[in-house]
Amino acid sequence: MNAFLIQFLQAVLLIVLAPLAAGFVATCKARLQNRRGGGVMQPWRNLRKLIAKEVVMAEHASWIFRFAPYVVFTATVMAASCVPAVLVNTPLSLTADVIALVALLALARFFLALAGMDIGTAFGGMGASREMTFSALAEPAMLMSVFVLSLSAHSTNLTTMINHALNAPLVLQPSLAFALAAMVMIAIAENGRIPIDNPTTHLELTMIHEAMILEYSGRHLALMEWAAMIKLLLFATLLIDLFLPWGMATDAGILALTLALALWVAKLFGLLLMLALAETGLAKMRLFEAPEYLSGAFVIAFLGLLTHYMLEVGA
């Protein structure tokens, strides 16, 4: 198969499956709470309904408010396109750098915060302030956890790190355990999941992401919601790539791609199921405890960095 076609299909796969992943988590949570739920396809139905609705704009909305949904969605899609899901070596492998990935997510967050403040409502400004405060703690922790893996691969390129993990002997590395714990904590915070935030409620005093998009409607709201779903699947795939890459295809053969796709779906199923179990068993923490949570993730990632250097010097 053509390598460029596979690269395109990988990106389309993440975009199309993102609402299904969000619906799967919601359905698992409903079953665990003895509720019926809306089903796995409910997010797709919600998006279709929102796209068909008329866009209602606030009176004082500027071009930033109108432009932000398209920038947020495009930046998130570009970030998802950088993350390999099935095939490791793709024509755009050189662009699959973790620093570029974080920059694209930061661009989406920047315009999301601008849109929240543009209308001038109390909720929008409150949500934007909280989002930027938490991102100042989350992004360094995410980079620190990735740097632990990049030290072994001598590169921040995702494809290089995946190939290094696939070719390296399978040994117990405490530094990777620290990096994994930090990355999981950051993934939960970046996607606004419990215990940091609850994406299914609109409580005024605890909203973070929802507070910035309250004024959106129609297709603009659909793009914002869809981008959040893609981001959730992106982080799940990133965890698989960095810490569970075994089974990914290194060539474009049909058999290798089919096996890699099946294993990716199985790993994704396990991660999303664990997320649903964690959100069912945990309570949302107080807002003022979130900085301590993110600082703890940074400390854990830094411990992974120190452990790597200690073991390297000891060897």
C-alpha atoms as a PDB file:
ATOM      1  CA  MET A   1       0.000   0.000   0.000  1.00  0.00           C
ATOM      2  CA  ASN A   2       1.076   3.569  -0.652  1.00  0.00           C
ATOM      3  CA  ALA A   3       2.796   5.029   2.418  1.00  0.00           C
ATOM      4  CA  PHE A   4       1.148   8.430   1.977  1.00  0.00           C
ATOM      5  CA  LEU A   5      -2.264   6.752   1.805  1.00  0.00           C
ATOM      6  CA  ILE A   6      -1.565   4.900   5.056  1.00  0.00           C
ATOM      7  CA  GLN A   7      -0.488   8.169   6.699  1.00  0.00           C
ATOM      8  CA  PHE A   8      -3.754   9.776   5.606  1.00  0.00           C
ATOM      9  CA  LEU A   9      -5.843   6.809   6.748  1.00  0.00           C
ATOM     10  CA  GLN A  10      -4.173   6.848  10.175  1.00  0.00           C
ATOM     11  CA  ALA A  11      -5.192  10.489  10.660  1.00  0.00           C
ATOM     12  CA  VAL A  12      -8.734   9.798   9.428  1.00  0.00           C
ATOM     13  CA  LEU A  13      -8.943   6.799  11.760  1.00  0.00           C
ATOM     14  CA  LEU A  14      -8.158   8.936  14.810  1.00  0.00           C
ATOM     15  CA  ILE A  15     -10.621  11.647  13.752  1.00  0.00           C
ATOM     16  CA  VAL A  16     -13.476   9.230  13.034  1.00  0.00           C
ATOM     17  CA  LEU A  17     -12.961   6.976  16.058  1.00  0.00           C
ATOM     18  CA  ALA A  18     -12.598   9.864  18.535  1.00  0.00           C
ATOM     19  CA  PRO A  19     -16.361  10.275  19.153  1.00  0.00           C
ATOM     20  CA  LEU A  20     -16.696   6.489  19.452  1.00  0.00           C
ATOM     21  CA  ALA A  21     -13.935   6.422  22.075  1.00  0.00           C
ATOM     22  CA  ALA A  22     -15.692   9.132  24.082  1.00  0.00           C
ATOM     23  CA  GLY A  23     -18.976   7.252  23.715  1.00  0.00           C
ATOM     24  CA  PHE A  24     -17.337   4.021  24.858  1.00  0.00           C
ATOM     25  CA  VAL A  25     -16.052   5.671  28.045  1.00  0.00           C
ATOM     26  CA  ALA A  26     -19.473   7.205  28.740  1.00  0.00           C
ATOM     27  CA  THR A  27     -21.224   3.874  28.114  1.00  0.00           C
ATOM     28  CA  CYS A  28     -18.835   1.976  30.417  1.00  0.00           C
ATOM     29  CA  LYS A  29     -19.393   4.557  33.157  1.00  0.00           C
ATOM     30  CA  ALA A  30     -23.155   4.255  32.714  1.00  0.00           C
ATOM     31  CA  ARG A  31     -23.042   0.461  33.001  1.00  0.00           C
ATOM     32  CA  LEU A  32     -20.806   0.642  36.081  1.00  0.00           C
ATOM     33  CA  GLN A  33     -23.323   3.034  37.664  1.00  0.00           C
ATOM     34  CA  ASN A  34     -26.313   0.811  36.772  1.00  0.00           C
ATOM     35  CA  ARG A  35     -27.549   3.236  34.120  1.00  0.00           C
ATOM     36  CA  ARG A  36     -28.464   2.527  30.525  1.00  0.00           C
ATOM     37  CA  GLY A  37     -26.605   5.440  28.951  1.00  0.00           C
ATOM     38  CA  GLY A  38     -26.868   6.850  25.452  1.00  0.00           C
ATOM     39  CA  GLY A  39     -24.766   4.235  23.706  1.00  0.00           C
ATOM     40  CA  VAL A  40     -21.410   4.340  21.969  1.00  0.00           C
ATOM     41  CA  MET A  41     -22.813   6.299  19.009  1.00  0.00           C
ATOM     42  CA  GLN A  42     -24.313   9.081  21.137  1.00  0.00           C
ATOM     43  CA  PRO A  43     -21.388  11.530  20.628  1.00  0.00           C
ATOM     44  CA  TRP A  44     -21.744  11.151  16.858  1.00  0.00           C
ATOM     45  CA  ARG A  45     -25.474  11.860  17.139  1.00  0.00           C
ATOM     46  CA  ASN A  46     -24.740  14.929  19.249  1.00  0.00           C
ATOM     47  CA  LEU A  47     -22.223  16.218  16.707  1.00  0.00           C
ATOM     48  CA  ARG A  48     -24.644  15.673  13.824  1.00  0.00           C
ATOM     49  CA  LYS A  49     -27.352  17.542  15.721  1.00  0.00           C
ATOM     50  CA  LEU A  50     -25.062  20.459  16.534  1.00  0.00           C
ATOM     51  CA  ILE A  51     -23.789  20.765  12.954  1.00  0.00           C
ATOM     52  CA  ALA A  52     -27.373  20.993  11.689  1.00  0.00           C
ATOM     53  CA  LYS A  53     -28.277  23.768  14.133  1.00  0.00           C
ATOM     54  CA  GLU A  54     -27.995  27.484  13.465  1.00  0.00           C
ATOM     55  CA  VAL A  55     -24.985  29.321  14.891  1.00  0.00           C
ATOM     56  CA  VAL A  56     -25.980  31.983  17.424  1.00  0.00           C
ATOM     57  CA  MET A  57     -23.295  34.592  18.082  1.00  0.00           C
ATOM     58  CA  ALA A  58     -22.963  36.932  21.035  1.00  0.00           C
ATOM     59  CA  GLU A  59     -23.478  40.607  20.285  1.00  0.00           C
ATOM     60  CA  HIS A  60     -19.902  41.631  21.060  1.00  0.00           C
ATOM     61  CA  ALA A  61     -18.168  38.597  19.548  1.00  0.00           C
ATOM     62  CA  SER A  62     -15.098  39.510  17.529  1.00  0.00           C
ATOM     63  CA  TRP A  63     -13.353  37.621  14.740  1.00  0.00           C
ATOM     64  CA  ILE A  64     -11.369  35.724  17.381  1.00  0.00           C
ATOM     65  CA  PHE A  65     -14.536  34.111  18.716  1.00  0.00           C
ATOM     66  CA  ARG A  66     -15.628  33.091  15.200  1.00  0.00           C
ATOM     67  CA  PHE A  67     -12.178  31.917  14.136  1.00  0.00           C
ATOM     68  CA  ALA A  68     -11.187  30.015  17.291  1.00  0.00           C
ATOM     69  CA  PRO A  69     -13.219  26.786  16.699  1.00  0.00           C
ATOM     70  CA  TYR A  70     -11.564  26.248  13.325  1.00  0.00           C
ATOM     71  CA  VAL A  71      -8.069  26.907  14.719  1.00  0.00           C
ATOM     72  CA  VAL A  72      -8.639  24.612  17.718  1.00  0.00           C
ATOM     73  CA  PHE A  73     -10.002  21.802  15.549  1.00  0.00           C
ATOM     74  CA  THR A  74      -7.297  22.152  12.867  1.00  0.00           C
ATOM     75  CA  ALA A  75      -4.444  22.282  15.392  1.00  0.00           C
ATOM     76  CA  THR A  76      -5.791  19.217  17.206  1.00  0.00           C
ATOM     77  CA  VAL A  77      -6.172  17.296  13.936  1.00  0.00           C
ATOM     78  CA  MET A  78      -2.607  18.220  12.940  1.00  0.00           C
ATOM     79  CA  ALA A  79      -1.367  17.011  16.324  1.00  0.00           C
ATOM     80  CA  ALA A  80      -3.262  13.746  15.890  1.00  0.00           C
ATOM     81  CA  SER A  81      -1.732  13.338  12.430  1.00  0.00           C
ATOM     82  CA  CYS A  82       1.753  13.449  13.983  1.00  0.00           C
ATOM     83  CA  VAL A  83       1.070  10.497  16.281  1.00  0.00           C
ATOM     84  CA  PRO A  84       1.554   7.038  14.679  1.00  0.00           C
ATOM     85  CA  ALA A  85      -1.306   4.670  15.424  1.00  0.00           C
ATOM     86  CA  VAL A  86      -0.634   1.595  13.273  1.00  0.00           C
ATOM     87  CA  LEU A  87       2.427   2.151  11.064  1.00  0.00           C
ATOM     88  CA  VAL A  88       5.627   3.424  12.683  1.00  0.00           C
ATOM     89  CA  ASN A  89       7.627   4.622   9.671  1.00  0.00           C
ATOM     90  CA  THR A  90       5.511   7.032   7.621  1.00  0.00           C
ATOM     91  CA  PRO A  91       6.400   9.720   5.057  1.00  0.00           C
ATOM     92  CA  LEU A  92       5.827  12.397   7.719  1.00  0.00           C
ATOM     93  CA  SER A  93       7.883  10.675  10.413  1.00  0.00           C
ATOM     94  CA  LEU A  94      10.305  13.594  10.624  1.00  0.00           C
ATOM     95  CA  THR A  95       7.455  15.902  11.670  1.00  0.00           C
ATOM     96  CA  ALA A  96       6.311  13.537  14.447  1.00  0.00           C
ATOM     97  CA  ASP A  97       8.290  15.333  17.146  1.00  0.00           C
ATOM     98  CA  VAL A  98       7.025  15.584  20.713  1.00  0.00           C
ATOM     99  CA  ILE A  99       7.981  19.257  20.958  1.00  0.00           C
ATOM    100  CA  ALA A 100       5.985  20.019  17.796  1.00  0.00           C
ATOM    101  CA  LEU A 101       3.078  18.000  19.225  1.00  0.00           C
ATOM    102  CA  VAL A 102       3.096  20.029  22.454  1.00  0.00           C
ATOM    103  CA  ALA A 103       3.326  23.252  20.437  1.00  0.00           C
ATOM    104  CA  LEU A 104       0.245  22.355  18.385  1.00  0.00           C
ATOM    105  CA  LEU A 105      -1.728  21.522  21.529  1.00  0.00           C
ATOM    106  CA  ALA A 106      -0.550  24.793  23.087  1.00  0.00           C
ATOM    107  CA  LEU A 107      -1.765  26.686  20.000  1.00  0.00           C
ATOM    108  CA  ALA A 108      -5.205  25.108  20.347  1.00  0.00           C
ATOM    109  CA  ARG A 109      -5.294  25.926  24.062  1.00  0.00           C
ATOM    110  CA  PHE A 110      -4.222  29.537  23.397  1.00  0.00           C
ATOM    111  CA  PHE A 111      -7.082  30.194  20.976  1.00  0.00           C
ATOM    112  CA  LEU A 112      -9.515  28.365  23.246  1.00  0.00           C
ATOM    113  CA  ALA A 113      -8.556  30.695  26.106  1.00  0.00           C
ATOM    114  CA  LEU A 114      -8.800  33.736  23.823  1.00  0.00           C
ATOM    115  CA  ALA A 115     -12.295  32.684  22.762  1.00  0.00           C
ATOM    116  CA  GLY A 116     -13.308  32.277  26.399  1.00  0.00           C
ATOM    117  CA  MET A 117     -12.199  35.826  27.216  1.00  0.00           C
ATOM    118  CA  ASP A 118     -13.417  37.431  23.980  1.00  0.00           C
ATOM    119  CA  ILE A 119     -17.098  37.672  24.967  1.00  0.00           C
ATOM    120  CA  GLY A 120     -16.294  39.199  28.319  1.00  0.00           C
ATOM    121  CA  THR A 121     -18.445  36.909  30.454  1.00  0.00           C
ATOM    122  CA  ALA A 122     -17.427  35.930  33.969  1.00  0.00           C
ATOM    123  CA  PHE A 123     -17.466  32.204  33.174  1.00  0.00           C
ATOM    124  CA  GLY A 124     -15.314  32.571  30.052  1.00  0.00           C
ATOM    125  CA  GLY A 125     -12.670  34.624  31.816  1.00  0.00           C
ATOM    126  CA  MET A 126     -12.695  32.287  34.800  1.00  0.00           C
ATOM    127  CA  GLY A 127     -12.270  29.189  32.633  1.00  0.00           C
ATOM    128  CA  ALA A 128      -9.512  30.795  30.530  1.00  0.00           C
ATOM    129  CA  SER A 129      -7.592  31.839  33.647  1.00  0.00           C
ATOM    130  CA  ARG A 130      -7.804  28.342  35.111  1.00  0.00           C
ATOM    131  CA  GLU A 131      -6.878  26.688  31.813  1.00  0.00           C
ATOM    132  CA  MET A 132      -3.726  28.761  31.351  1.00  0.00           C
ATOM    133  CA  THR A 133      -2.713  28.317  34.990  1.00  0.00           C
ATOM    134  CA  PHE A 134      -2.993  24.554  34.795  1.00  0.00           C
ATOM    135  CA  SER A 135      -1.314  24.378  31.382  1.00  0.00           C
ATOM    136  CA  ALA A 136       1.729  26.212  32.805  1.00  0.00           C
ATOM    137  CA  LEU A 137       2.132  23.236  35.149  1.00  0.00           C
ATOM    138  CA  ALA A 138       1.001  20.437  32.830  1.00  0.00           C
ATOM    139  CA  GLU A 139       3.181  21.158  29.793  1.00  0.00           C
ATOM    140  CA  PRO A 140       6.550  21.072  31.631  1.00  0.00           C
ATOM    141  CA  ALA A 141       5.529  17.834  33.337  1.00  0.00           C
ATOM    142  CA  MET A 142       4.568  16.287  30.001  1.00  0.00           C
ATOM    143  CA  LEU A 143       7.848  17.337  28.387  1.00  0.00           C
ATOM    144  CA  MET A 144       9.812  16.069  31.371  1.00  0.00           C
ATOM    145  CA  SER A 145       8.170  12.636  31.183  1.00  0.00           C
ATOM    146  CA  VAL A 146       8.856  12.417  27.444  1.00  0.00           C
ATOM    147  CA  PHE A 147      12.466  13.500  27.919  1.00  0.00           C
ATOM    148  CA  VAL A 148      12.983  10.415  30.110  1.00  0.00           C
ATOM    149  CA  LEU A 149      12.260   8.244  27.077  1.00  0.00           C
ATOM    150  CA  SER A 150      14.110  10.498  24.662  1.00  0.00           C
ATOM    151  CA  LEU A 151      17.349  10.135  26.665  1.00  0.00           C
ATOM    152  CA  SER A 152      17.512   6.456  25.765  1.00  0.00           C
ATOM    153  CA  ALA A 153      16.542   7.000  22.133  1.00  0.00           C
ATOM    154  CA  HIS A 154      18.690  10.174  21.836  1.00  0.00           C
ATOM    155  CA  SER A 155      15.827  11.913  20.053  1.00  0.00           C
ATOM    156  CA  THR A 156      12.470  13.572  20.730  1.00  0.00           C
ATOM    157  CA  ASN A 157      11.063  12.178  17.500  1.00  0.00           C
ATOM    158  CA  LEU A 158       8.170   9.798  18.166  1.00  0.00           C
ATOM    159  CA  THR A 159       9.126   7.408  15.385  1.00  0.00           C
ATOM    160  CA  THR A 160      12.719   7.171  16.663  1.00  0.00           C
ATOM    161  CA  MET A 161      11.550   6.539  20.226  1.00  0.00           C
ATOM    162  CA  ILE A 162       9.094   3.857  19.089  1.00  0.00           C
ATOM    163  CA  ASN A 163      11.732   2.099  16.982  1.00  0.00           C
ATOM    164  CA  HIS A 164      14.161   2.216  19.910  1.00  0.00           C
ATOM    165  CA  ALA A 165      11.565   0.634  22.219  1.00  0.00           C
ATOM    166  CA  LEU A 166      10.765  -2.067  19.652  1.00  0.00           C
ATOM    167  CA  ASN A 167      14.437  -2.978  19.153  1.00  0.00           C
ATOM    168  CA  ALA A 168      15.597  -2.662  22.769  1.00  0.00           C
ATOM    169  CA  PRO A 169      15.589  -5.733  25.043  1.00  0.00           C
ATOM    170  CA  LEU A 170      12.604  -6.048  27.349  1.00  0.00           C
ATOM    171  CA  VAL A 171      13.987  -5.173  30.805  1.00  0.00           C
ATOM    172  CA  LEU A 172      12.524  -3.549  33.889  1.00  0.00           C
ATOM    173  CA  GLN A 173      13.360   0.182  33.900  1.00  0.00           C
ATOM    174  CA  PRO A 174      12.212   2.181  36.963  1.00  0.00           C
ATOM    175  CA  SER A 175      12.650   5.432  35.048  1.00  0.00           C
ATOM    176  CA  LEU A 176       9.987   4.356  32.550  1.00  0.00           C
ATOM    177  CA  ALA A 177       7.609   3.512  35.397  1.00  0.00           C
ATOM    178  CA  PHE A 178       7.974   7.054  36.748  1.00  0.00           C
ATOM    179  CA  ALA A 179       7.512   8.509  33.261  1.00  0.00           C
ATOM    180  CA  LEU A 180       4.410   6.391  32.662  1.00  0.00           C
ATOM    181  CA  ALA A 181       2.820   7.471  35.957  1.00  0.00           C
ATOM    182  CA  ALA A 182       3.499  11.132  35.191  1.00  0.00           C
ATOM    183  CA  MET A 183       2.183  10.841  31.629  1.00  0.00           C
ATOM    184  CA  VAL A 184      -1.050   9.199  32.793  1.00  0.00           C
ATOM    185  CA  MET A 185      -1.603  11.985  35.322  1.00  0.00           C
ATOM    186  CA  ILE A 186      -0.961  14.634  32.668  1.00  0.00           C
ATOM    187  CA  ALA A 187      -3.256  12.917  30.146  1.00  0.00           C
ATOM    188  CA  ILE A 188      -6.096  12.996  32.675  1.00  0.00           C
ATOM    189  CA  ALA A 189      -5.491  16.677  33.421  1.00  0.00           C
ATOM    190  CA  GLU A 190      -5.070  17.718  29.780  1.00  0.00           C
ATOM    191  CA  ASN A 191      -8.390  16.142  28.823  1.00  0.00           C
ATOM    192  CA  GLY A 192     -10.277  17.567  31.795  1.00  0.00           C
ATOM    193  CA  ARG A 193     -11.249  14.174  33.207  1.00  0.00           C
ATOM    194  CA  ILE A 194     -12.004  13.208  36.800  1.00  0.00           C
ATOM    195  CA  PRO A 195     -10.431  13.951  39.293  1.00  0.00           C
ATOM    196  CA  ILE A 196      -9.293  17.266  37.728  1.00  0.00           C
ATOM    197  CA  ASP A 197     -12.512  18.208  35.925  1.00  0.00           C
ATOM    198  CA  ASN A 198     -15.860  16.652  35.067  1.00  0.00           C
ATOM    199  CA  PRO A 199     -16.727  17.098  31.365  1.00  0.00           C
ATOM    200  CA  THR A 200     -20.363  16.084  31.880  1.00  0.00           C
ATOM    201  CA  THR A 201     -21.400  18.839  34.308  1.00  0.00           C
ATOM    202  CA  HIS A 202     -21.737  22.630  34.278  1.00  0.00           C
ATOM    203  CA  LEU A 203     -21.038  23.485  37.898  1.00  0.00           C
ATOM    204  CA  GLU A 204     -20.139  27.167  37.967  1.00  0.00           C
ATOM    205  CA  LEU A 205     -17.428  27.019  40.617  1.00  0.00           C
ATOM    206  CA  THR A 206     -15.560  24.009  39.197  1.00  0.00           C
ATOM    207  CA  MET A 207     -15.771  24.404  35.406  1.00  0.00           C
ATOM    208  CA  ILE A 208     -12.529  24.667  33.437  1.00  0.00           C
ATOM    209  CA  HIS A 209     -12.960  23.562  29.818  1.00  0.00           C
ATOM    210  CA  GLU A 210     -16.742  23.874  29.715  1.00  0.00           C
ATOM    211  CA  ALA A 211     -16.615  27.471  30.993  1.00  0.00           C
ATOM    212  CA  MET A 212     -14.742  28.610  27.869  1.00  0.00           C
ATOM    213  CA  ILE A 213     -17.234  27.170  25.365  1.00  0.00           C
ATOM    214  CA  LEU A 214     -20.543  28.042  27.050  1.00  0.00           C
ATOM    215  CA  GLU A 215     -21.262  30.788  24.489  1.00  0.00           C
ATOM    216  CA  TYR A 216     -20.745  28.537  21.477  1.00  0.00           C
ATOM    217  CA  SER A 217     -23.537  26.856  19.536  1.00  0.00           C
ATOM    218  CA  GLY A 218     -24.161  25.026  16.299  1.00  0.00           C
ATOM    219  CA  ARG A 219     -21.201  23.914  14.207  1.00  0.00           C
ATOM    220  CA  HIS A 220     -18.792  25.994  16.302  1.00  0.00           C
ATOM    221  CA  LEU A 221     -19.705  24.011  19.417  1.00  0.00           C
ATOM    222  CA  ALA A 222     -19.504  20.780  17.393  1.00  0.00           C
ATOM    223  CA  LEU A 223     -15.925  21.590  16.345  1.00  0.00           C
ATOM    224  CA  MET A 224     -14.931  22.371  19.944  1.00  0.00           C
ATOM    225  CA  GLU A 225     -16.472  19.152  21.265  1.00  0.00           C
ATOM    226  CA  TRP A 226     -14.994  17.086  18.436  1.00  0.00           C
ATOM    227  CA  ALA A 227     -11.530  18.545  19.059  1.00  0.00           C
ATOM    228  CA  ALA A 228     -11.787  17.562  22.744  1.00  0.00           C
ATOM    229  CA  MET A 229     -12.690  13.988  21.733  1.00  0.00           C
ATOM    230  CA  ILE A 230      -9.760  13.811  19.297  1.00  0.00           C
ATOM    231  CA  LYS A 231      -7.452  15.055  22.037  1.00  0.00           C
ATOM    232  CA  LEU A 232      -8.576  12.230  24.331  1.00  0.00           C
ATOM    233  CA  LEU A 233      -7.848   9.612  21.663  1.00  0.00           C
ATOM    234  CA  LEU A 234      -4.562  11.352  20.823  1.00  0.00           C
ATOM    235  CA  PHE A 235      -3.277  11.029  24.394  1.00  0.00           C
ATOM    236  CA  ALA A 236      -4.417   7.410  24.597  1.00  0.00           C
ATOM    237  CA  THR A 237      -2.542   6.636  21.373  1.00  0.00           C
ATOM    238  CA  LEU A 238       0.499   8.545  22.623  1.00  0.00           C
ATOM    239  CA  LEU A 239       0.579   6.407  25.774  1.00  0.00           C
ATOM    240  CA  ILE A 240       0.389   3.278  23.618  1.00  0.00           C
ATOM    241  CA  ASP A 241       3.156   4.490  21.300  1.00  0.00           C
ATOM    242  CA  LEU A 242       5.586   5.445  24.050  1.00  0.00           C
ATOM    243  CA  PHE A 243       5.003   2.690  26.594  1.00  0.00           C
ATOM    244  CA  LEU A 244       3.233  -0.180  24.758  1.00  0.00           C
ATOM    245  CA  PRO A 245       4.473  -0.014  21.158  1.00  0.00           C
ATOM    246  CA  TRP A 246       4.872  -3.769  20.664  1.00  0.00           C
ATOM    247  CA  GLY A 247       2.859  -4.990  17.719  1.00  0.00           C
ATOM    248  CA  MET A 248       3.030  -1.802  15.639  1.00  0.00           C
ATOM    249  CA  ALA A 249       3.751  -2.355  11.959  1.00  0.00           C
ATOM    250  CA  THR A 250       7.234  -1.484  10.732  1.00  0.00           C
ATOM    251  CA  ASP A 251       6.374  -2.152   7.073  1.00  0.00           C
ATOM    252  CA  ALA A 252       3.362  -1.446   4.892  1.00  0.00           C
ATOM    253  CA  GLY A 253       2.314  -5.053   4.380  1.00  0.00           C
ATOM    254  CA  ILE A 254      -1.382  -5.887   4.609  1.00  0.00           C
ATOM    255  CA  LEU A 255      -0.911  -8.609   7.225  1.00  0.00           C
ATOM    256  CA  ALA A 256       1.332  -6.452   9.423  1.00  0.00           C
ATOM    257  CA  LEU A 257      -1.062  -3.508   9.199  1.00  0.00           C
ATOM    258  CA  THR A 258      -4.085  -5.666  10.047  1.00  0.00           C
ATOM    259  CA  LEU A 259      -2.371  -7.168  13.079  1.00  0.00           C
ATOM    260  CA  ALA A 260      -1.146  -3.735  14.223  1.00  0.00           C
ATOM    261  CA  LEU A 261      -4.654  -2.283  13.870  1.00  0.00           C
ATOM    262  CA  ALA A 262      -6.177  -5.107  15.907  1.00  0.00           C
ATOM    263  CA  LEU A 263      -3.587  -4.728  18.660  1.00  0.00           C
ATOM    264  CA  TRP A 264      -4.032  -0.929  18.715  1.00  0.00           C
ATOM    265  CA  VAL A 265      -7.793  -1.312  19.146  1.00  0.00           C
ATOM    266  CA  ALA A 266      -7.273  -3.875  21.927  1.00  0.00           C
ATOM    267  CA  LYS A 267      -4.812  -1.622  23.786  1.00  0.00           C
ATOM    268  CA  LEU A 268      -7.105   1.357  23.310  1.00  0.00           C
ATOM    269  CA  PHE A 269     -10.034  -0.669  24.627  1.00  0.00           C
ATOM    270  CA  GLY A 270      -8.060  -1.505  27.777  1.00  0.00           C
ATOM    271  CA  LEU A 271      -6.954   2.090  28.400  1.00  0.00           C
ATOM    272  CA  LEU A 272     -10.441   3.532  27.955  1.00  0.00           C
ATOM    273  CA  LEU A 273     -11.931   0.844  30.181  1.00  0.00           C
ATOM    274  CA  MET A 274      -9.412   1.712  32.914  1.00  0.00           C
ATOM    275  CA  LEU A 275     -10.333   5.388  32.507  1.00  0.00           C
ATOM    276  CA  ALA A 276     -14.019   4.573  32.975  1.00  0.00           C
ATOM    277  CA  LEU A 277     -13.238   2.477  36.068  1.00  0.00           C
ATOM    278  CA  ALA A 278     -11.080   5.249  37.548  1.00  0.00           C
ATOM    279  CA  GLU A 279     -13.695   7.950  36.922  1.00  0.00           C
ATOM    280  CA  THR A 280     -16.388   5.774  38.488  1.00  0.00           C
ATOM    281  CA  GLY A 281     -14.364   5.073  41.610  1.00  0.00           C
ATOM    282  CA  LEU A 282     -12.827   8.520  42.129  1.00  0.00           C
ATOM    283  CA  ALA A 283     -14.384  11.788  43.221  1.00  0.00           C
ATOM    284  CA  LYS A 284     -13.505  15.141  41.725  1.00  0.00           C
ATOM    285  CA  MET A 285     -10.859  16.919  43.755  1.00  0.00           C
ATOM    286  CA  ARG A 286     -11.155  20.506  44.918  1.00  0.00           C
ATOM    287  CA  LEU A 287     -10.059  23.080  42.376  1.00  0.00           C
ATOM    288  CA  PHE A 288      -7.237  24.364  44.584  1.00  0.00           C
ATOM    289  CA  GLU A 289      -5.770  20.863  44.795  1.00  0.00           C
ATOM    290  CA  ALA A 290      -5.243  20.663  41.027  1.00  0.00           C
ATOM    291  CA  PRO A 291      -1.903  22.591  41.088  1.00  0.00           C
ATOM    292  CA  GLU A 292      -0.608  20.154  43.709  1.00  0.00           C
ATOM    293  CA  TYR A 293      -1.688  17.259  41.477  1.00  0.00           C
ATOM    294  CA  LEU A 294       0.153  18.702  38.463  1.00  0.00           C
ATOM    295  CA  SER A 295       3.201  19.576  40.544  1.00  0.00           C
ATOM    296  CA  GLY A 296       3.225  15.981  41.768  1.00  0.00           C
ATOM    297  CA  ALA A 297       3.234  14.792  38.143  1.00  0.00           C
ATOM    298  CA  PHE A 298       6.247  17.000  37.427  1.00  0.00           C
ATOM    299  CA  VAL A 299       8.085  15.666  40.489  1.00  0.00           C
ATOM    300  CA  ILE A 300       7.377  12.067  39.458  1.00  0.00           C
ATOM    301  CA  ALA A 301       8.672  12.763  35.932  1.00  0.00           C
ATOM    302  CA  PHE A 302      11.768  14.433  37.396  1.00  0.00           C
ATOM    303  CA  LEU A 303      12.360  11.372  39.580  1.00  0.00           C
ATOM    304  CA  GLY A 304      12.253   9.292  36.421  1.00  0.00           C
ATOM    305  CA  LEU A 305      14.917  11.560  34.916  1.00  0.00           C
ATOM    306  CA  LEU A 306      17.130  11.241  38.005  1.00  0.00           C
ATOM    307  CA  THR A 307      16.640   7.466  38.069  1.00  0.00           C
ATOM    308  CA  HIS A 308      17.728   7.212  34.443  1.00  0.00           C
ATOM    309  CA  TYR A 309      20.940   9.155  35.121  1.00  0.00           C
ATOM    310  CA  MET A 310      21.664   7.199  38.308  1.00  0.00           C
ATOM    311  CA  LEU A 311      21.335   3.858  36.528  1.00  0.00           C
ATOM    312  CA  GLU A 312      23.377   5.123  33.584  1.00  0.00           C
ATOM    313  CA  VAL A 313      26.201   6.281  35.856  1.00  0.00           C
ATOM    314  CA  GLY A 314      26.013   3.043  37.863  1.00  0.00           C
ATOM    315  CA  ALA A 315      26.305   0.995  34.695  1.00  0.00           C
END
